[in-house]
Amino acid sequence: MDLRIQRSVVSHLRTRPKVIEVGPFVLGLDPDTESPFINYASPQPGAPITAADITELISAFTEAGRKPRLEYVTSCAPQLEDLLVTAGFAVEERNQYLICPPERLTVFPAPAGLTLEEPSTDPDRAAVVIAQNDAFGDLPPEDPAAAVARMRRNQERGGVVLGARTTDGEWVGGGQAAPPSDDVSEVAGIAVRAPFRRRGLGAAISASVTRRLFDRGVEVAWLEASGDDSWRVYERVGYVPAGHRLYISREI
């Protein structure tokens, strides 16, 4: 499963507006945002990696004006962390990723007074982005139009975007999934504004995004939990731990 997830990470990076191949690495860049969570690299699984490759990767990030940063499944490049640390990188996070196959999924309905909808206009996409950013809190500043364009591209390429709104039309949360690759897709951005938490909305969004993936033929959905609360939500939906990923970066 680790290999399959890492391949999906690399495939997703190849959908960025600008893609740079640097030795064994794929670097995905979006010129419209400086967010390190959008602009990062990942190794192609099984490819040999040298210190010279790391130096070349740092240069590619520097030339693009972006912070050198990687996300990857650790078992697919077991020697990479030591090479990166030697080159001045520092670990940001070590995460377990969770997977859900169709037979494990449990779908939860939206709480009373709320509906789940796929935004189909740019104003609605903008409202979902605002709700997600508000829920997550301290995020790097970004041009709202760039975030909307990225969400629209995700939908156009077969990804899923789902928002939660009140009967009054207020968007209060959302989530999304990447366009599938090799019948695998990452679920991300599950967010609920504070006044609407503890009502089961996070589980409903997570499950509904995942169900839409399975309806499109996806075999494995995967995600990462940001804390114990979200971990419990995802386990209720049907996700189980499957492997480990590393976030690591270097100051410019």
C-alpha atoms as a PDB file:
ATOM      1  CA  MET A   1       0.000   0.000   0.000  1.00  0.00           C
ATOM      2  CA  ASP A   2       2.883   2.401   0.749  1.00  0.00           C
ATOM      3  CA  LEU A   3       4.060   2.153  -2.850  1.00  0.00           C
ATOM      4  CA  ARG A   4       0.587   2.794  -4.205  1.00  0.00           C
ATOM      5  CA  ILE A   5       0.080   5.859  -2.012  1.00  0.00           C
ATOM      6  CA  GLN A   6       3.477   7.315  -2.919  1.00  0.00           C
ATOM      7  CA  ARG A   7       2.735   6.860  -6.607  1.00  0.00           C
ATOM      8  CA  SER A   8      -0.525   8.763  -6.137  1.00  0.00           C
ATOM      9  CA  VAL A   9       1.338  11.605  -4.407  1.00  0.00           C
ATOM     10  CA  VAL A  10       3.742  11.919  -7.332  1.00  0.00           C
ATOM     11  CA  SER A  11       0.910  11.716  -9.868  1.00  0.00           C
ATOM     12  CA  HIS A  12      -0.975  14.477  -8.061  1.00  0.00           C
ATOM     13  CA  LEU A  13       2.085  16.743  -8.127  1.00  0.00           C
ATOM     14  CA  ARG A  14       2.203  16.289 -11.889  1.00  0.00           C
ATOM     15  CA  THR A  15      -1.170  18.082 -12.126  1.00  0.00           C
ATOM     16  CA  ARG A  16       0.301  21.348 -10.799  1.00  0.00           C
ATOM     17  CA  PRO A  17       0.465  24.278 -13.254  1.00  0.00           C
ATOM     18  CA  LYS A  18       4.262  23.945 -13.323  1.00  0.00           C
ATOM     19  CA  VAL A  19       6.066  20.618 -12.942  1.00  0.00           C
ATOM     20  CA  ILE A  20       9.846  20.223 -12.697  1.00  0.00           C
ATOM     21  CA  GLU A  21      11.604  16.864 -12.872  1.00  0.00           C
ATOM     22  CA  VAL A  22      14.787  16.967 -10.787  1.00  0.00           C
ATOM     23  CA  GLY A  23      16.584  13.627 -10.901  1.00  0.00           C
ATOM     24  CA  PRO A  24      14.409  11.237  -8.868  1.00  0.00           C
ATOM     25  CA  PHE A  25      12.121  14.041  -7.656  1.00  0.00           C
ATOM     26  CA  VAL A  26       8.927  15.549  -9.007  1.00  0.00           C
ATOM     27  CA  LEU A  27       8.459  19.169  -7.958  1.00  0.00           C
ATOM     28  CA  GLY A  28       4.936  20.559  -8.288  1.00  0.00           C
ATOM     29  CA  LEU A  29       4.568  24.342  -8.323  1.00  0.00           C
ATOM     30  CA  ASP A  30       1.706  26.798  -8.533  1.00  0.00           C
ATOM     31  CA  PRO A  31       2.941  30.269  -9.576  1.00  0.00           C
ATOM     32  CA  ASP A  32      -0.212  31.839  -8.098  1.00  0.00           C
ATOM     33  CA  THR A  33       0.561  30.902  -4.490  1.00  0.00           C
ATOM     34  CA  GLU A  34       3.618  30.708  -2.249  1.00  0.00           C
ATOM     35  CA  SER A  35       1.961  28.195   0.078  1.00  0.00           C
ATOM     36  CA  PRO A  36       4.440  25.442   1.029  1.00  0.00           C
ATOM     37  CA  PHE A  37       1.487  23.058   1.277  1.00  0.00           C
ATOM     38  CA  ILE A  38       0.940  23.473  -2.474  1.00  0.00           C
ATOM     39  CA  ASN A  39       4.531  23.896  -3.657  1.00  0.00           C
ATOM     40  CA  TYR A  40       6.567  20.849  -2.697  1.00  0.00           C
ATOM     41  CA  ALA A  41       8.402  17.825  -4.081  1.00  0.00           C
ATOM     42  CA  SER A  42       8.254  14.077  -3.638  1.00  0.00           C
ATOM     43  CA  PRO A  43      10.541  11.237  -4.755  1.00  0.00           C
ATOM     44  CA  GLN A  44       9.601   8.711  -7.374  1.00  0.00           C
ATOM     45  CA  PRO A  45       9.431   5.410  -5.478  1.00  0.00           C
ATOM     46  CA  GLY A  46      12.392   3.108  -5.900  1.00  0.00           C
ATOM     47  CA  ALA A  47      14.612   5.644  -7.649  1.00  0.00           C
ATOM     48  CA  PRO A  48      18.180   5.967  -6.293  1.00  0.00           C
ATOM     49  CA  ILE A  49      18.857   9.310  -4.590  1.00  0.00           C
ATOM     50  CA  THR A  50      22.212  11.025  -4.064  1.00  0.00           C
ATOM     51  CA  ALA A  51      23.421  14.118  -2.224  1.00  0.00           C
ATOM     52  CA  ALA A  52      23.911  15.755  -5.622  1.00  0.00           C
ATOM     53  CA  ASP A  53      20.213  15.195  -6.365  1.00  0.00           C
ATOM     54  CA  ILE A  54      19.338  17.046  -3.144  1.00  0.00           C
ATOM     55  CA  THR A  55      21.570  19.965  -4.114  1.00  0.00           C
ATOM     56  CA  GLU A  56      19.917  20.147  -7.529  1.00  0.00           C
ATOM     57  CA  LEU A  57      16.463  20.034  -5.923  1.00  0.00           C
ATOM     58  CA  ILE A  58      17.320  22.919  -3.584  1.00  0.00           C
ATOM     59  CA  SER A  59      18.485  24.942  -6.588  1.00  0.00           C
ATOM     60  CA  ALA A  60      15.217  24.261  -8.419  1.00  0.00           C
ATOM     61  CA  PHE A  61      13.191  25.509  -5.457  1.00  0.00           C
ATOM     62  CA  THR A  62      15.432  28.564  -5.086  1.00  0.00           C
ATOM     63  CA  GLU A  63      15.137  29.484  -8.763  1.00  0.00           C
ATOM     64  CA  ALA A  64      11.354  29.206  -8.466  1.00  0.00           C
ATOM     65  CA  GLY A  65      11.327  31.432  -5.368  1.00  0.00           C
ATOM     66  CA  ARG A  66       9.810  28.723  -3.197  1.00  0.00           C
ATOM     67  CA  LYS A  67      10.800  27.152   0.112  1.00  0.00           C
ATOM     68  CA  PRO A  68      12.405  23.712  -0.388  1.00  0.00           C
ATOM     69  CA  ARG A  69       9.916  21.218   1.000  1.00  0.00           C
ATOM     70  CA  LEU A  70       9.019  17.541   0.559  1.00  0.00           C
ATOM     71  CA  GLU A  71       6.187  15.221   1.509  1.00  0.00           C
ATOM     72  CA  TYR A  72       6.566  11.479   1.021  1.00  0.00           C
ATOM     73  CA  VAL A  73       5.853   7.970   2.291  1.00  0.00           C
ATOM     74  CA  THR A  74       8.947   7.128   4.315  1.00  0.00           C
ATOM     75  CA  SER A  75       9.249   3.449   3.384  1.00  0.00           C
ATOM     76  CA  CYS A  76       9.494   4.373  -0.307  1.00  0.00           C
ATOM     77  CA  ALA A  77      12.741   6.321   0.250  1.00  0.00           C
ATOM     78  CA  PRO A  78      14.199   5.078   3.564  1.00  0.00           C
ATOM     79  CA  GLN A  79      17.590   6.815   3.168  1.00  0.00           C
ATOM     80  CA  LEU A  80      16.201  10.151   2.035  1.00  0.00           C
ATOM     81  CA  GLU A  81      15.650  11.744   5.441  1.00  0.00           C
ATOM     82  CA  ASP A  82      19.332  11.459   6.405  1.00  0.00           C
ATOM     83  CA  LEU A  83      20.389  13.031   3.110  1.00  0.00           C
ATOM     84  CA  LEU A  84      17.929  15.888   3.582  1.00  0.00           C
ATOM     85  CA  VAL A  85      18.937  16.580   7.194  1.00  0.00           C
ATOM     86  CA  THR A  86      22.593  16.648   6.150  1.00  0.00           C
ATOM     87  CA  ALA A  87      21.617  19.237   3.523  1.00  0.00           C
ATOM     88  CA  GLY A  88      20.011  21.490   6.148  1.00  0.00           C
ATOM     89  CA  PHE A  89      16.409  20.290   6.131  1.00  0.00           C
ATOM     90  CA  ALA A  90      14.377  19.990   9.341  1.00  0.00           C
ATOM     91  CA  VAL A  91      11.445  17.699  10.040  1.00  0.00           C
ATOM     92  CA  GLU A  92       8.075  19.464  10.206  1.00  0.00           C
ATOM     93  CA  GLU A  93       5.831  16.512  10.994  1.00  0.00           C
ATOM     94  CA  ARG A  94       5.722  12.730  11.035  1.00  0.00           C
ATOM     95  CA  ASN A  95       2.228  11.519  10.218  1.00  0.00           C
ATOM     96  CA  GLN A  96       0.430   8.248   9.893  1.00  0.00           C
ATOM     97  CA  TYR A  97      -1.801   8.059   6.868  1.00  0.00           C
ATOM     98  CA  LEU A  98      -5.107   6.212   6.925  1.00  0.00           C
ATOM     99  CA  ILE A  99      -6.870   4.347   4.130  1.00  0.00           C
ATOM    100  CA  CYS A 100     -10.463   3.362   3.438  1.00  0.00           C
ATOM    101  CA  PRO A 101     -11.615   0.764   0.876  1.00  0.00           C
ATOM    102  CA  PRO A 102     -15.264   0.792  -0.259  1.00  0.00           C
ATOM    103  CA  GLU A 103     -16.317  -2.087   1.983  1.00  0.00           C
ATOM    104  CA  ARG A 104     -15.274  -0.232   5.149  1.00  0.00           C
ATOM    105  CA  LEU A 105     -17.077   3.045   4.472  1.00  0.00           C
ATOM    106  CA  THR A 106     -19.853   4.155   6.821  1.00  0.00           C
ATOM    107  CA  VAL A 107     -21.843   7.125   5.520  1.00  0.00           C
ATOM    108  CA  PHE A 108     -23.206   9.694   7.975  1.00  0.00           C
ATOM    109  CA  PRO A 109     -26.013  12.129   7.106  1.00  0.00           C
ATOM    110  CA  ALA A 110     -25.568  15.869   7.418  1.00  0.00           C
ATOM    111  CA  PRO A 111     -26.865  17.252  10.735  1.00  0.00           C
ATOM    112  CA  ALA A 112     -30.304  18.840  10.804  1.00  0.00           C
ATOM    113  CA  GLY A 113     -30.410  22.243   9.143  1.00  0.00           C
ATOM    114  CA  LEU A 114     -27.354  21.577   6.972  1.00  0.00           C
ATOM    115  CA  THR A 115     -26.881  20.198   3.465  1.00  0.00           C
ATOM    116  CA  LEU A 116     -23.842  18.928   1.575  1.00  0.00           C
ATOM    117  CA  GLU A 117     -23.389  20.276  -1.943  1.00  0.00           C
ATOM    118  CA  GLU A 118     -20.712  20.456  -4.631  1.00  0.00           C
ATOM    119  CA  PRO A 119     -20.039  24.148  -5.389  1.00  0.00           C
ATOM    120  CA  SER A 120     -20.603  24.795  -9.083  1.00  0.00           C
ATOM    121  CA  THR A 121     -19.931  28.542  -9.363  1.00  0.00           C
ATOM    122  CA  ASP A 122     -16.866  30.587  -8.477  1.00  0.00           C
ATOM    123  CA  PRO A 123     -18.740  32.600  -5.804  1.00  0.00           C
ATOM    124  CA  ASP A 124     -19.746  29.345  -4.109  1.00  0.00           C
ATOM    125  CA  ARG A 125     -16.211  27.982  -4.429  1.00  0.00           C
ATOM    126  CA  ALA A 126     -14.898  31.182  -2.855  1.00  0.00           C
ATOM    127  CA  ALA A 127     -17.341  30.786   0.027  1.00  0.00           C
ATOM    128  CA  VAL A 128     -16.194  27.197   0.631  1.00  0.00           C
ATOM    129  CA  VAL A 129     -12.543  28.322   0.600  1.00  0.00           C
ATOM    130  CA  ILE A 130     -13.336  31.053   3.139  1.00  0.00           C
ATOM    131  CA  ALA A 131     -15.129  28.548   5.380  1.00  0.00           C
ATOM    132  CA  GLN A 132     -12.209  26.110   5.213  1.00  0.00           C
ATOM    133  CA  ASN A 133      -9.619  28.811   5.908  1.00  0.00           C
ATOM    134  CA  ASP A 134     -11.673  30.126   8.816  1.00  0.00           C
ATOM    135  CA  ALA A 135     -11.907  26.619  10.272  1.00  0.00           C
ATOM    136  CA  PHE A 136      -8.188  25.885   9.903  1.00  0.00           C
ATOM    137  CA  GLY A 137      -7.105  29.236  11.295  1.00  0.00           C
ATOM    138  CA  ASP A 138      -3.441  30.154  10.849  1.00  0.00           C
ATOM    139  CA  LEU A 139      -2.725  29.488   7.166  1.00  0.00           C
ATOM    140  CA  PRO A 140      -0.238  31.229   4.854  1.00  0.00           C
ATOM    141  CA  PRO A 141      -1.826  34.228   3.082  1.00  0.00           C
ATOM    142  CA  GLU A 142      -3.053  33.480  -0.428  1.00  0.00           C
ATOM    143  CA  ASP A 143      -4.864  35.249  -3.239  1.00  0.00           C
ATOM    144  CA  PRO A 144      -8.507  34.063  -2.952  1.00  0.00           C
ATOM    145  CA  ALA A 145      -8.835  33.972  -6.742  1.00  0.00           C
ATOM    146  CA  ALA A 146      -5.918  31.526  -6.952  1.00  0.00           C
ATOM    147  CA  ALA A 147      -7.541  29.214  -4.409  1.00  0.00           C
ATOM    148  CA  VAL A 148     -10.822  29.308  -6.332  1.00  0.00           C
ATOM    149  CA  ALA A 149      -9.064  28.557  -9.621  1.00  0.00           C
ATOM    150  CA  ARG A 150      -7.257  25.612  -8.027  1.00  0.00           C
ATOM    151  CA  MET A 151     -10.545  24.245  -6.677  1.00  0.00           C
ATOM    152  CA  ARG A 152     -12.178  24.600 -10.085  1.00  0.00           C
ATOM    153  CA  ARG A 153      -9.280  22.775 -11.786  1.00  0.00           C
ATOM    154  CA  ASN A 154      -9.559  20.000  -9.231  1.00  0.00           C
ATOM    155  CA  GLN A 155     -13.216  19.490 -10.117  1.00  0.00           C
ATOM    156  CA  GLU A 156     -12.596  19.692 -13.854  1.00  0.00           C
ATOM    157  CA  ARG A 157      -9.960  16.955 -13.620  1.00  0.00           C
ATOM    158  CA  GLY A 158     -12.231  14.540 -11.767  1.00  0.00           C
ATOM    159  CA  GLY A 159     -11.589  15.495  -8.161  1.00  0.00           C
ATOM    160  CA  VAL A 160     -14.316  16.000  -5.575  1.00  0.00           C
ATOM    161  CA  VAL A 161     -15.193  19.237  -3.779  1.00  0.00           C
ATOM    162  CA  LEU A 162     -17.970  19.279  -1.223  1.00  0.00           C
ATOM    163  CA  GLY A 163     -19.269  22.107   0.925  1.00  0.00           C
ATOM    164  CA  ALA A 164     -21.666  22.267   3.852  1.00  0.00           C
ATOM    165  CA  ARG A 165     -24.215  25.058   4.011  1.00  0.00           C
ATOM    166  CA  THR A 166     -27.084  26.125   6.218  1.00  0.00           C
ATOM    167  CA  THR A 167     -30.671  26.512   5.072  1.00  0.00           C
ATOM    168  CA  ASP A 168     -29.923  30.256   4.928  1.00  0.00           C
ATOM    169  CA  GLY A 169     -27.200  29.603   2.352  1.00  0.00           C
ATOM    170  CA  GLU A 170     -24.160  30.151   4.590  1.00  0.00           C
ATOM    171  CA  TRP A 171     -21.215  27.880   3.778  1.00  0.00           C
ATOM    172  CA  VAL A 172     -19.812  26.536   7.053  1.00  0.00           C
ATOM    173  CA  GLY A 173     -17.321  23.837   6.049  1.00  0.00           C
ATOM    174  CA  GLY A 174     -16.025  21.661   3.295  1.00  0.00           C
ATOM    175  CA  GLY A 175     -13.651  19.016   2.041  1.00  0.00           C
ATOM    176  CA  GLN A 176     -12.170  17.726  -1.164  1.00  0.00           C
ATOM    177  CA  ALA A 177     -10.361  14.873  -2.865  1.00  0.00           C
ATOM    178  CA  ALA A 178      -7.706  14.856  -5.558  1.00  0.00           C
ATOM    179  CA  PRO A 179      -8.348  13.555  -9.070  1.00  0.00           C
ATOM    180  CA  PRO A 180      -7.844   9.775  -8.871  1.00  0.00           C
ATOM    181  CA  SER A 181      -4.636   8.158 -10.081  1.00  0.00           C
ATOM    182  CA  ASP A 182      -4.363   4.374 -10.364  1.00  0.00           C
ATOM    183  CA  ASP A 183      -7.784   4.222  -8.656  1.00  0.00           C
ATOM    184  CA  VAL A 184      -6.364   5.991  -5.575  1.00  0.00           C
ATOM    185  CA  SER A 185      -7.288   9.457  -4.284  1.00  0.00           C
ATOM    186  CA  GLU A 186      -6.306  11.623  -1.328  1.00  0.00           C
ATOM    187  CA  VAL A 187      -9.054  13.206   0.767  1.00  0.00           C
ATOM    188  CA  ALA A 188      -8.016  16.529   2.308  1.00  0.00           C
ATOM    189  CA  GLY A 189      -9.169  19.889   3.595  1.00  0.00           C
ATOM    190  CA  ILE A 190     -11.944  18.506   5.819  1.00  0.00           C
ATOM    191  CA  ALA A 191     -12.917  21.586   7.808  1.00  0.00           C
ATOM    192  CA  VAL A 192     -15.856  22.794   9.894  1.00  0.00           C
ATOM    193  CA  ARG A 193     -16.273  26.268  11.349  1.00  0.00           C
ATOM    194  CA  ALA A 194     -16.149  26.327  15.144  1.00  0.00           C
ATOM    195  CA  PRO A 195     -19.866  27.077  15.819  1.00  0.00           C
ATOM    196  CA  PHE A 196     -20.872  23.986  13.817  1.00  0.00           C
ATOM    197  CA  ARG A 197     -18.510  21.440  15.363  1.00  0.00           C
ATOM    198  CA  ARG A 198     -19.418  18.532  17.662  1.00  0.00           C
ATOM    199  CA  ARG A 199     -22.540  17.801  15.625  1.00  0.00           C
ATOM    200  CA  GLY A 200     -21.237  15.131  13.271  1.00  0.00           C
ATOM    201  CA  LEU A 201     -20.655  17.455  10.329  1.00  0.00           C
ATOM    202  CA  GLY A 202     -16.987  16.503   9.940  1.00  0.00           C
ATOM    203  CA  ALA A 203     -17.913  12.828   9.694  1.00  0.00           C
ATOM    204  CA  ALA A 204     -20.673  13.600   7.197  1.00  0.00           C
ATOM    205  CA  ILE A 205     -18.327  15.614   4.953  1.00  0.00           C
ATOM    206  CA  SER A 206     -15.540  13.015   5.157  1.00  0.00           C
ATOM    207  CA  ALA A 207     -17.883  10.134   4.385  1.00  0.00           C
ATOM    208  CA  SER A 208     -19.675  11.930   1.558  1.00  0.00           C
ATOM    209  CA  VAL A 209     -16.442  12.972  -0.175  1.00  0.00           C
ATOM    210  CA  THR A 210     -15.198   9.389   0.133  1.00  0.00           C
ATOM    211  CA  ARG A 211     -18.466   7.928  -1.154  1.00  0.00           C
ATOM    212  CA  ARG A 212     -18.328  10.159  -4.216  1.00  0.00           C
ATOM    213  CA  LEU A 213     -14.849   8.811  -4.939  1.00  0.00           C
ATOM    214  CA  PHE A 214     -16.061   5.229  -4.715  1.00  0.00           C
ATOM    215  CA  ASP A 215     -19.013   6.068  -6.958  1.00  0.00           C
ATOM    216  CA  ARG A 216     -16.420   7.094  -9.572  1.00  0.00           C
ATOM    217  CA  GLY A 217     -14.546   3.810  -9.353  1.00  0.00           C
ATOM    218  CA  VAL A 218     -11.827   4.663  -6.826  1.00  0.00           C
ATOM    219  CA  GLU A 219     -10.538   1.602  -4.956  1.00  0.00           C
ATOM    220  CA  VAL A 220      -8.653   3.287  -2.107  1.00  0.00           C
ATOM    221  CA  ALA A 221      -9.193   6.679  -0.460  1.00  0.00           C
ATOM    222  CA  TRP A 222      -6.534   7.958   1.913  1.00  0.00           C
ATOM    223  CA  LEU A 223      -5.972  10.901   4.215  1.00  0.00           C
ATOM    224  CA  GLU A 224      -4.045  12.202   7.200  1.00  0.00           C
ATOM    225  CA  ALA A 225      -5.462  13.268  10.553  1.00  0.00           C
ATOM    226  CA  SER A 226      -4.422  16.599  12.066  1.00  0.00           C
ATOM    227  CA  GLY A 227      -5.115  15.527  15.652  1.00  0.00           C
ATOM    228  CA  ASP A 228      -6.879  13.086  17.946  1.00  0.00           C
ATOM    229  CA  ASP A 229     -10.335  14.542  17.283  1.00  0.00           C
ATOM    230  CA  SER A 230     -10.086  14.222  13.516  1.00  0.00           C
ATOM    231  CA  TRP A 231      -8.486  10.780  13.901  1.00  0.00           C
ATOM    232  CA  ARG A 232     -11.557   9.554  15.776  1.00  0.00           C
ATOM    233  CA  VAL A 233     -13.857  11.049  13.142  1.00  0.00           C
ATOM    234  CA  TYR A 234     -12.040   9.299  10.310  1.00  0.00           C
ATOM    235  CA  GLU A 235     -12.020   5.972  12.139  1.00  0.00           C
ATOM    236  CA  ARG A 236     -15.798   6.209  12.546  1.00  0.00           C
ATOM    237  CA  VAL A 237     -16.115   6.735   8.800  1.00  0.00           C
ATOM    238  CA  GLY A 238     -14.025   3.621   8.116  1.00  0.00           C
ATOM    239  CA  TYR A 239     -10.415   4.763   7.768  1.00  0.00           C
ATOM    240  CA  VAL A 240      -7.624   2.675   9.314  1.00  0.00           C
ATOM    241  CA  PRO A 241      -3.889   3.398   9.779  1.00  0.00           C
ATOM    242  CA  ALA A 242      -1.739   2.050   6.958  1.00  0.00           C
ATOM    243  CA  GLY A 243       1.658   3.763   6.809  1.00  0.00           C
ATOM    244  CA  HIS A 244       3.857   6.736   7.604  1.00  0.00           C
ATOM    245  CA  ARG A 245       4.607  10.008   5.824  1.00  0.00           C
ATOM    246  CA  LEU A 246       7.175  12.719   6.444  1.00  0.00           C
ATOM    247  CA  TYR A 247       6.933  16.495   6.000  1.00  0.00           C
ATOM    248  CA  ILE A 248      10.376  18.092   5.842  1.00  0.00           C
ATOM    249  CA  SER A 249      11.622  21.515   4.703  1.00  0.00           C
ATOM    250  CA  ARG A 250      14.603  23.850   4.524  1.00  0.00           C
ATOM    251  CA  GLU A 251      14.656  27.572   5.157  1.00  0.00           C
ATOM    252  CA  ILE A 252      15.548  29.686   2.141  1.00  0.00           C
END
